[in-house]
Protein backbone atom coordinates (compact mmCIF):
# COMPACT_ATOMS: atom_id res chain seq x y z
CA MET A 1 103.19 -37.13 -8.50
CA ASN A 2 106.04 -39.48 -9.34
CA ARG A 3 104.95 -42.07 -11.91
CA LYS A 4 106.05 -44.85 -9.56
CA ASP A 5 103.48 -43.62 -7.02
CA TYR A 6 100.51 -44.24 -9.31
CA ARG A 7 98.21 -47.12 -8.49
CA PRO A 8 98.33 -50.22 -10.72
CA ALA A 9 95.31 -49.40 -12.90
CA THR A 10 96.80 -46.00 -13.72
CA LEU A 11 100.25 -47.43 -14.41
CA LEU A 12 98.76 -49.96 -16.81
CA VAL A 13 97.19 -47.25 -18.92
CA HIS A 14 99.95 -44.63 -18.81
CA GLN A 15 102.98 -46.96 -18.39
CA GLY A 16 106.45 -45.39 -18.75
CA LYS A 17 105.33 -43.12 -21.58
CA ASP A 18 101.72 -42.41 -22.42
CA ARG A 19 102.31 -40.38 -25.59
CA ASP A 20 104.92 -39.88 -28.26
CA PRO A 21 107.39 -37.19 -27.08
CA ALA A 22 108.00 -36.04 -30.66
CA THR A 23 104.40 -35.53 -31.82
CA GLY A 24 102.15 -35.92 -28.78
CA ALA A 25 100.45 -38.95 -30.36
CA ALA A 26 98.34 -40.89 -27.86
CA THR A 27 100.48 -44.00 -28.31
CA VAL A 28 104.19 -44.49 -28.80
CA PRO A 29 104.62 -45.24 -32.54
CA ILE A 30 105.99 -48.42 -34.04
CA TYR A 31 109.59 -47.46 -34.69
CA GLN A 32 110.21 -49.94 -37.51
CA ALA A 33 113.88 -49.07 -37.91
CA SER A 34 116.90 -51.36 -37.78
CA THR A 35 119.51 -48.62 -37.39
CA TYR A 36 119.81 -44.93 -36.48
CA HIS A 37 121.70 -41.95 -37.90
CA HIS A 38 124.95 -41.11 -36.08
CA GLU A 39 125.09 -37.32 -36.30
CA GLY A 40 128.64 -36.31 -37.14
CA GLY A 41 129.71 -39.93 -36.64
CA THR A 42 128.64 -39.98 -32.98
CA ALA A 43 125.86 -42.26 -31.76
CA GLY A 44 122.89 -40.67 -30.04
CA GLU A 45 120.52 -42.33 -27.59
CA TYR A 46 119.88 -45.12 -30.13
CA ASP A 47 122.41 -46.69 -32.47
CA TYR A 48 121.12 -50.12 -33.56
CA ALA A 49 117.75 -51.80 -33.00
CA ARG A 50 119.17 -54.80 -31.15
CA SER A 51 120.63 -52.42 -28.55
CA GLY A 52 117.59 -50.20 -28.16
CA ASN A 53 114.30 -49.21 -29.77
CA PRO A 54 111.72 -46.68 -28.51
CA SER A 55 108.82 -49.08 -29.03
CA ARG A 56 110.55 -51.80 -27.04
CA GLU A 57 111.63 -49.39 -24.33
CA GLN A 58 107.97 -48.56 -23.79
CA VAL A 59 107.17 -52.06 -22.54
CA GLU A 60 110.51 -52.47 -20.78
CA GLU A 61 109.80 -49.36 -18.73
CA ALA A 62 106.25 -50.58 -18.15
CA ILE A 63 107.22 -53.95 -16.64
CA ALA A 64 109.83 -52.28 -14.42
CA LEU A 65 107.20 -49.87 -13.11
CA LEU A 66 104.54 -52.55 -12.65
CA GLU A 67 106.89 -54.89 -10.78
CA GLY A 68 108.47 -52.08 -8.76
CA GLY A 69 111.90 -52.78 -10.24
CA THR A 70 114.76 -50.65 -11.49
CA ARG A 71 114.96 -52.11 -14.99
CA GLY A 72 112.91 -54.15 -17.44
CA PHE A 73 113.73 -56.22 -20.52
CA ALA A 74 111.59 -57.40 -23.43
CA TYR A 75 112.37 -60.57 -25.37
CA ALA A 76 111.06 -62.42 -28.41
CA SER A 77 109.31 -65.06 -26.27
CA GLY A 78 108.79 -66.18 -22.70
CA MET A 79 111.35 -68.97 -23.16
CA THR A 80 113.87 -66.46 -24.50
CA ALA A 81 113.34 -64.47 -21.32
CA ILE A 82 113.92 -67.57 -19.20
CA GLY A 83 117.00 -68.59 -21.20
CA SER A 84 118.43 -65.08 -21.02
CA VAL A 85 118.02 -64.91 -17.25
CA LEU A 86 119.59 -68.35 -16.81
CA ALA A 87 122.52 -67.12 -18.92
CA LEU A 88 123.63 -65.48 -15.67
CA LEU A 89 124.81 -68.98 -14.72
CA GLU A 90 128.19 -70.32 -15.85
CA SER A 91 129.58 -73.74 -16.59
CA GLY A 92 130.06 -75.63 -13.34
CA ASP A 93 127.20 -73.84 -11.59
CA HIS A 94 124.21 -75.59 -10.04
CA LEU A 95 120.56 -74.54 -10.11
CA VAL A 96 117.74 -75.54 -7.75
CA ALA A 97 114.30 -75.36 -9.39
CA SER A 98 110.69 -76.18 -8.60
CA ALA A 99 109.79 -79.73 -9.64
CA ASP A 100 106.33 -78.66 -10.80
CA LEU A 101 107.20 -76.38 -13.72
CA TYR A 102 105.83 -75.29 -17.07
CA GLY A 103 106.91 -77.93 -19.59
CA GLY A 104 109.03 -75.51 -21.64
CA SER A 105 110.96 -74.46 -18.53
CA TRP A 106 111.47 -78.11 -17.56
CA ARG A 107 112.81 -78.88 -21.04
CA PHE A 108 115.28 -75.99 -20.98
CA ILE A 109 116.49 -76.66 -17.44
CA THR A 110 116.90 -80.42 -17.87
CA GLY A 111 117.92 -80.51 -21.54
CA VAL A 112 119.78 -77.32 -22.45
CA LEU A 113 121.51 -76.27 -19.23
CA PRO A 114 123.37 -79.60 -18.82
CA GLN A 115 124.84 -79.13 -22.32
CA GLN A 116 126.28 -75.85 -21.02
CA GLY A 117 127.83 -77.57 -18.00
CA ILE A 118 125.14 -76.38 -15.58
CA SER A 119 123.53 -78.99 -13.33
CA CYS A 120 120.06 -78.75 -11.83
CA SER A 121 118.10 -80.29 -8.97
CA LEU A 122 114.30 -80.34 -9.27
CA VAL A 123 112.77 -80.28 -5.80
CA ASP A 124 109.48 -79.64 -4.07
CA THR A 125 110.01 -75.98 -3.25
CA THR A 126 107.00 -75.99 -0.92
CA ASP A 127 109.32 -77.96 1.40
CA THR A 128 111.96 -75.56 2.70
CA ASP A 129 114.03 -78.43 4.13
CA ALA A 130 114.13 -80.07 0.70
CA VAL A 131 115.37 -76.81 -0.82
CA LYS A 132 118.07 -76.43 1.84
CA SER A 133 119.19 -80.04 1.32
CA ALA A 134 119.48 -79.52 -2.45
CA ILE A 135 121.87 -76.57 -2.14
CA THR A 136 125.51 -77.37 -2.83
CA PRO A 137 128.67 -75.22 -2.79
CA ARG A 138 128.14 -74.76 -6.54
CA THR A 139 124.50 -73.63 -6.31
CA ARG A 140 124.04 -70.13 -7.68
CA ALA A 141 120.29 -69.63 -8.07
CA LEU A 142 116.75 -70.73 -7.21
CA PHE A 143 114.21 -70.92 -10.06
CA LEU A 144 110.63 -70.82 -8.79
CA GLU A 145 107.00 -70.88 -9.87
CA THR A 146 104.20 -70.03 -7.49
CA PRO A 147 101.46 -70.90 -8.06
CA SER A 148 103.15 -73.67 -10.02
CA ASN A 149 101.94 -74.81 -13.41
CA PRO A 150 99.74 -76.87 -13.52
CA LEU A 151 99.28 -78.18 -9.94
CA PHE A 152 99.18 -74.84 -8.10
CA GLN A 153 101.80 -75.70 -5.53
CA ILE A 154 102.45 -72.63 -3.39
CA THR A 155 106.04 -71.80 -2.51
CA ASP A 156 106.78 -69.49 0.42
CA LEU A 157 108.63 -66.68 -1.32
CA ARG A 158 109.80 -65.02 1.88
CA ALA A 159 111.32 -68.31 3.04
CA MET A 160 113.03 -68.78 -0.34
CA VAL A 161 114.49 -65.28 -0.15
CA GLU A 162 115.83 -65.96 3.34
CA ILE A 163 117.45 -69.23 2.23
CA ALA A 164 118.91 -67.55 -0.85
CA ARG A 165 120.42 -64.73 1.14
CA GLN A 166 122.02 -67.17 3.57
CA HIS A 167 123.74 -68.92 0.64
CA GLY A 168 124.33 -65.96 -1.69
CA LEU A 169 121.91 -67.20 -4.35
CA ILE A 170 119.93 -65.33 -7.01
CA THR A 171 116.16 -65.86 -6.75
CA ILE A 172 114.21 -66.10 -10.01
CA LEU A 173 110.41 -66.34 -10.21
CA ASP A 174 108.16 -67.02 -13.18
CA ASN A 175 105.24 -64.71 -12.36
CA THR A 176 103.17 -65.42 -15.49
CA PHE A 177 100.11 -66.87 -13.72
CA MET A 178 99.69 -63.97 -11.28
CA THR A 179 101.00 -60.96 -13.25
CA PRO A 180 102.28 -57.88 -11.36
CA LEU A 181 98.68 -57.01 -10.47
CA LEU A 182 98.22 -60.00 -8.18
CA GLN A 183 101.77 -60.75 -7.04
CA ARG A 184 104.76 -58.43 -6.63
CA PRO A 185 107.74 -60.71 -6.00
CA LEU A 186 110.37 -57.96 -6.02
CA ASP A 187 108.63 -56.38 -3.02
CA LEU A 188 109.13 -59.69 -1.18
CA GLY A 189 112.85 -59.75 -1.96
CA ILE A 190 112.91 -61.86 -5.14
CA ASP A 191 115.73 -60.71 -7.43
CA ILE A 192 114.28 -61.39 -10.89
CA THR A 193 110.74 -61.86 -12.16
CA ILE A 194 109.89 -63.36 -15.53
CA HIS A 195 106.69 -63.24 -17.58
CA SER A 196 105.56 -65.02 -20.65
CA ALA A 197 103.94 -61.84 -21.92
CA THR A 198 102.34 -63.99 -24.60
CA LYS A 199 99.81 -64.80 -21.88
CA PHE A 200 97.94 -62.31 -19.64
CA LEU A 201 100.05 -59.24 -20.31
CA GLY A 202 99.53 -59.44 -24.08
CA GLY A 203 96.11 -60.91 -23.49
CA HIS A 204 94.90 -61.52 -27.05
CA SER A 205 96.75 -64.65 -28.21
CA ASP A 206 98.38 -62.73 -31.04
CA ILE A 207 102.03 -62.27 -30.01
CA LEU A 208 105.03 -64.11 -28.61
CA ALA A 209 106.81 -62.06 -25.95
CA GLY A 210 108.78 -62.34 -22.74
CA LEU A 211 109.39 -59.74 -20.05
CA VAL A 212 111.85 -59.56 -17.16
CA ALA A 213 112.14 -57.11 -14.26
CA VAL A 214 114.95 -56.73 -11.74
CA ASN A 215 115.59 -54.69 -8.61
CA ASP A 216 119.37 -54.84 -8.44
CA LYS A 217 121.15 -52.49 -10.82
CA ASP A 218 124.15 -54.79 -11.20
CA LEU A 219 121.89 -57.66 -12.27
CA GLY A 220 120.26 -55.23 -14.67
CA LYS A 221 123.61 -54.39 -16.26
CA ARG A 222 124.46 -58.08 -16.67
CA LEU A 223 121.10 -58.85 -18.26
CA LYS A 224 121.40 -55.84 -20.57
CA TYR A 225 124.83 -56.99 -21.72
CA PHE A 226 123.49 -60.43 -22.61
CA GLN A 227 120.32 -59.05 -24.22
CA ASN A 228 122.44 -56.89 -26.52
CA ALA A 229 124.98 -59.65 -27.19
CA PHE A 230 122.40 -62.37 -27.85
CA GLY A 231 119.89 -60.16 -29.65
CA ALA A 232 116.65 -62.12 -29.14
CA VAL A 233 114.69 -58.91 -28.52
CA LEU A 234 111.01 -58.13 -28.95
CA SER A 235 110.17 -56.59 -32.33
CA PRO A 236 108.77 -53.03 -32.57
CA PHE A 237 105.37 -54.22 -33.81
CA ASP A 238 105.01 -56.85 -31.10
CA SER A 239 106.13 -54.24 -28.55
CA PHE A 240 103.31 -52.00 -29.75
CA LEU A 241 100.76 -54.83 -29.43
CA LEU A 242 102.08 -55.77 -25.98
CA SER A 243 101.86 -52.18 -24.76
CA ARG A 244 98.27 -52.04 -25.97
CA GLY A 245 97.46 -55.33 -24.26
CA ILE A 246 98.93 -54.19 -20.95
CA LYS A 247 96.59 -51.20 -20.90
CA THR A 248 93.55 -53.45 -20.44
CA LEU A 249 95.13 -56.02 -18.10
CA GLN A 250 93.21 -55.00 -14.99
CA VAL A 251 89.73 -55.15 -16.50
CA ARG A 252 90.55 -58.42 -18.28
CA LEU A 253 92.08 -60.05 -15.22
CA ASP A 254 89.30 -58.88 -12.90
CA ALA A 255 86.66 -60.37 -15.19
CA GLY A 256 88.56 -63.61 -15.78
CA GLN A 257 89.25 -64.04 -12.08
CA ARG A 258 85.58 -63.60 -11.14
CA SER A 259 84.51 -66.22 -13.65
CA ALA A 260 87.35 -68.58 -12.71
CA GLY A 261 86.32 -68.53 -9.07
CA GLU A 262 82.73 -69.44 -9.90
CA LEU A 263 83.71 -72.11 -12.44
CA ALA A 264 86.12 -73.65 -9.94
CA ARG A 265 83.32 -73.89 -7.39
CA ARG A 266 80.94 -75.49 -9.89
CA LEU A 267 83.59 -77.93 -11.08
CA THR A 268 84.13 -79.18 -7.51
CA GLU A 269 80.44 -80.12 -7.42
CA HIS A 270 80.32 -81.87 -10.80
CA PRO A 271 80.21 -85.68 -10.61
CA ALA A 272 82.64 -86.09 -13.51
CA VAL A 273 85.35 -84.09 -11.75
CA GLY A 274 87.57 -85.74 -9.19
CA ARG A 275 89.69 -82.78 -8.05
CA VAL A 276 90.06 -79.05 -8.62
CA TRP A 277 93.09 -76.84 -8.01
CA TYR A 278 92.38 -73.12 -7.52
CA PRO A 279 93.75 -70.83 -4.76
CA GLY A 280 90.37 -69.13 -4.33
CA LEU A 281 88.64 -72.29 -3.07
CA ASP A 282 88.11 -72.45 0.68
CA ASN A 283 89.62 -75.94 0.90
CA PHE A 284 92.66 -75.18 -1.26
CA LYS A 285 95.71 -76.52 0.56
CA GLY A 286 97.98 -73.49 0.15
CA ARG A 287 95.29 -70.82 0.36
CA GLN A 288 96.57 -69.00 3.46
CA LEU A 289 100.16 -68.89 2.24
CA HIS A 290 99.11 -67.84 -1.25
CA PHE A 291 97.08 -64.88 -0.01
CA SER A 292 99.92 -63.83 2.30
CA GLN A 293 102.00 -63.06 -0.81
CA ALA A 294 99.39 -62.47 -3.52
CA SER A 295 96.25 -60.36 -3.71
CA GLY A 296 94.12 -62.64 -5.88
CA ALA A 297 93.58 -66.20 -7.03
CA GLY A 298 94.03 -65.55 -10.74
CA ALA A 299 92.09 -66.68 -13.79
CA VAL A 300 93.46 -70.20 -14.26
CA VAL A 301 91.90 -73.39 -12.87
CA SER A 302 93.23 -76.95 -13.07
CA PHE A 303 90.95 -79.95 -12.68
CA GLU A 304 91.18 -83.71 -12.96
CA LEU A 305 88.44 -85.88 -14.39
CA ARG A 306 87.51 -89.15 -12.75
CA GLU A 307 87.86 -91.24 -15.91
CA GLU A 308 90.46 -90.96 -18.66
CA GLN A 309 87.87 -91.54 -21.38
CA GLN A 310 86.08 -88.36 -20.27
CA VAL A 311 89.04 -86.27 -21.47
CA LYS A 312 88.50 -87.26 -25.10
CA GLU A 313 84.77 -86.63 -24.78
CA LEU A 314 85.28 -83.21 -23.20
CA LEU A 315 87.85 -82.07 -25.78
CA GLY A 316 85.67 -83.36 -28.59
CA ASN A 317 82.44 -81.71 -27.49
CA VAL A 318 83.23 -78.26 -26.10
CA LYS A 319 82.69 -75.42 -28.56
CA LEU A 320 83.74 -72.20 -26.81
CA PRO A 321 87.21 -72.81 -25.37
CA ILE A 322 90.21 -72.81 -27.66
CA ILE A 323 91.90 -76.18 -27.10
CA ALA A 324 95.55 -75.20 -27.05
CA PRO A 325 98.78 -75.08 -24.99
CA SER A 326 98.50 -71.50 -23.78
CA LEU A 327 96.63 -69.26 -21.36
CA GLY A 328 95.81 -65.66 -20.55
CA GLY A 329 93.83 -64.72 -23.68
CA VAL A 330 90.49 -62.95 -23.93
CA GLU A 331 89.11 -66.30 -25.09
CA THR A 332 88.91 -69.22 -22.69
CA ILE A 333 91.67 -71.76 -23.36
CA LEU A 334 91.42 -75.42 -22.38
CA THR A 335 94.69 -77.35 -22.16
CA HIS A 336 95.31 -81.07 -21.83
CA CYS A 337 98.45 -80.79 -19.73
CA TRP A 338 99.78 -84.30 -20.41
CA SER A 339 99.94 -83.87 -24.19
CA MET A 340 100.17 -80.08 -24.60
CA SER A 341 101.73 -77.72 -22.05
CA HIS A 342 103.75 -80.50 -20.41
CA GLY A 343 104.18 -82.76 -23.42
CA ALA A 344 107.98 -82.29 -23.31
CA ILE A 345 108.22 -83.99 -19.92
CA PRO A 346 108.74 -87.79 -19.97
CA ALA A 347 105.75 -89.82 -18.83
CA GLU A 348 107.46 -91.19 -15.72
CA ASP A 349 108.37 -87.68 -14.57
CA LYS A 350 104.83 -86.43 -15.14
CA ILE A 351 103.41 -89.30 -13.12
CA ARG A 352 105.92 -88.68 -10.34
CA GLN A 353 104.91 -85.01 -10.22
CA GLY A 354 101.20 -85.85 -10.09
CA ILE A 355 100.36 -84.87 -13.67
CA SER A 356 97.93 -87.48 -14.96
CA LYS A 357 96.31 -87.99 -18.37
CA ARG A 358 93.06 -86.84 -16.74
CA LEU A 359 94.41 -83.39 -15.84
CA LEU A 360 93.17 -80.28 -17.66
CA ARG A 361 93.94 -76.60 -17.25
CA LEU A 362 91.34 -73.93 -17.91
CA SER A 363 92.38 -70.33 -18.54
CA VAL A 364 89.15 -68.40 -18.17
CA GLY A 365 88.49 -65.62 -20.67
CA LEU A 366 85.87 -62.93 -21.09
CA GLU A 367 82.89 -64.95 -22.34
CA ASP A 368 79.65 -64.92 -20.38
CA ILE A 369 80.13 -67.38 -17.55
CA GLU A 370 76.77 -69.07 -18.11
CA ASP A 371 77.63 -69.77 -21.74
CA LEU A 372 80.96 -71.19 -20.63
CA TRP A 373 79.40 -73.38 -17.97
CA GLU A 374 76.70 -74.69 -20.27
CA ASP A 375 79.36 -75.58 -22.82
CA LEU A 376 81.55 -77.31 -20.21
CA GLU A 377 78.57 -79.21 -18.83
CA ILE A 378 77.80 -80.62 -22.28
CA GLY A 379 81.41 -81.78 -22.58
CA LEU A 380 81.50 -83.20 -19.07
CA SER A 381 78.25 -85.08 -19.61
């Protein structure tokens, strides 16, 4: 059987290589080498660690297989992955991006790209007419999140692909929330998918990593050129940890998703909670569209408290969740979006997007759900 034909759970465990070709070891070793011997003065498969490393290739092959792409790339962080993909744009180009974005992406798109002569329009990408209206003769790409972070806006990926093809645009999707297990954007026609592998793919809050997968071989060549030229690659040790994390993604995500669904339901019934965002809820606005392009609701829930004072009380009283600007770990992580994950966004922009000081994001980990709920109830009370 061709490795690409394996089902996701099998691919996660065996990935591109499931043993060291030199020794048969059950894991690909950490090749902690910066350079490689050139036999007779001629380079072999590897010449310098920035250009290629067997440990890094392991995870690059893995993300390509998991996303159904032709090529994968591993970077030193999720933001490095985003910046490297957006390096496909040139001075004078224009980018259309989702208005509801992870704060780091917003900062890069609005702060760094303009310094490089690249303009950007932030629009509600759930509105196809708004996207069409934002496209100019200089537009070269669409940058998307769905579900968006933190308000779970659902963008119709098939519609975005159709618009992009009509205008000759590259489509880029941050797939961190869903992972390749729950959403396969390349199958829907998206050109490039990006992951902060720091989150669910790594899964243990112990690495910084970014992954990218592409379908088009020409795009792959362009990204490889920039990866080698820029050099912000994932280290061999972090590649080893990421490969190990990927192996358990399905069991971790299945467990987190089950608990997230139940916690979302309970939060909707709690008197201290004014609103809950989670695609698995029956009354979730974009539920039908989400499940037409994804196979699960994920393990992240956003909720808004009724009173601002309750935020301080909740953050001060919960004991189990890590209070931090991240997600996707084995431990539950509670984020105050206003001051943490989206702290880089000016207050007026956050308010305009619907991000209030009462908004929290809960990445559900592997703890017993009853312990989690009892802890949250104490904080909410």
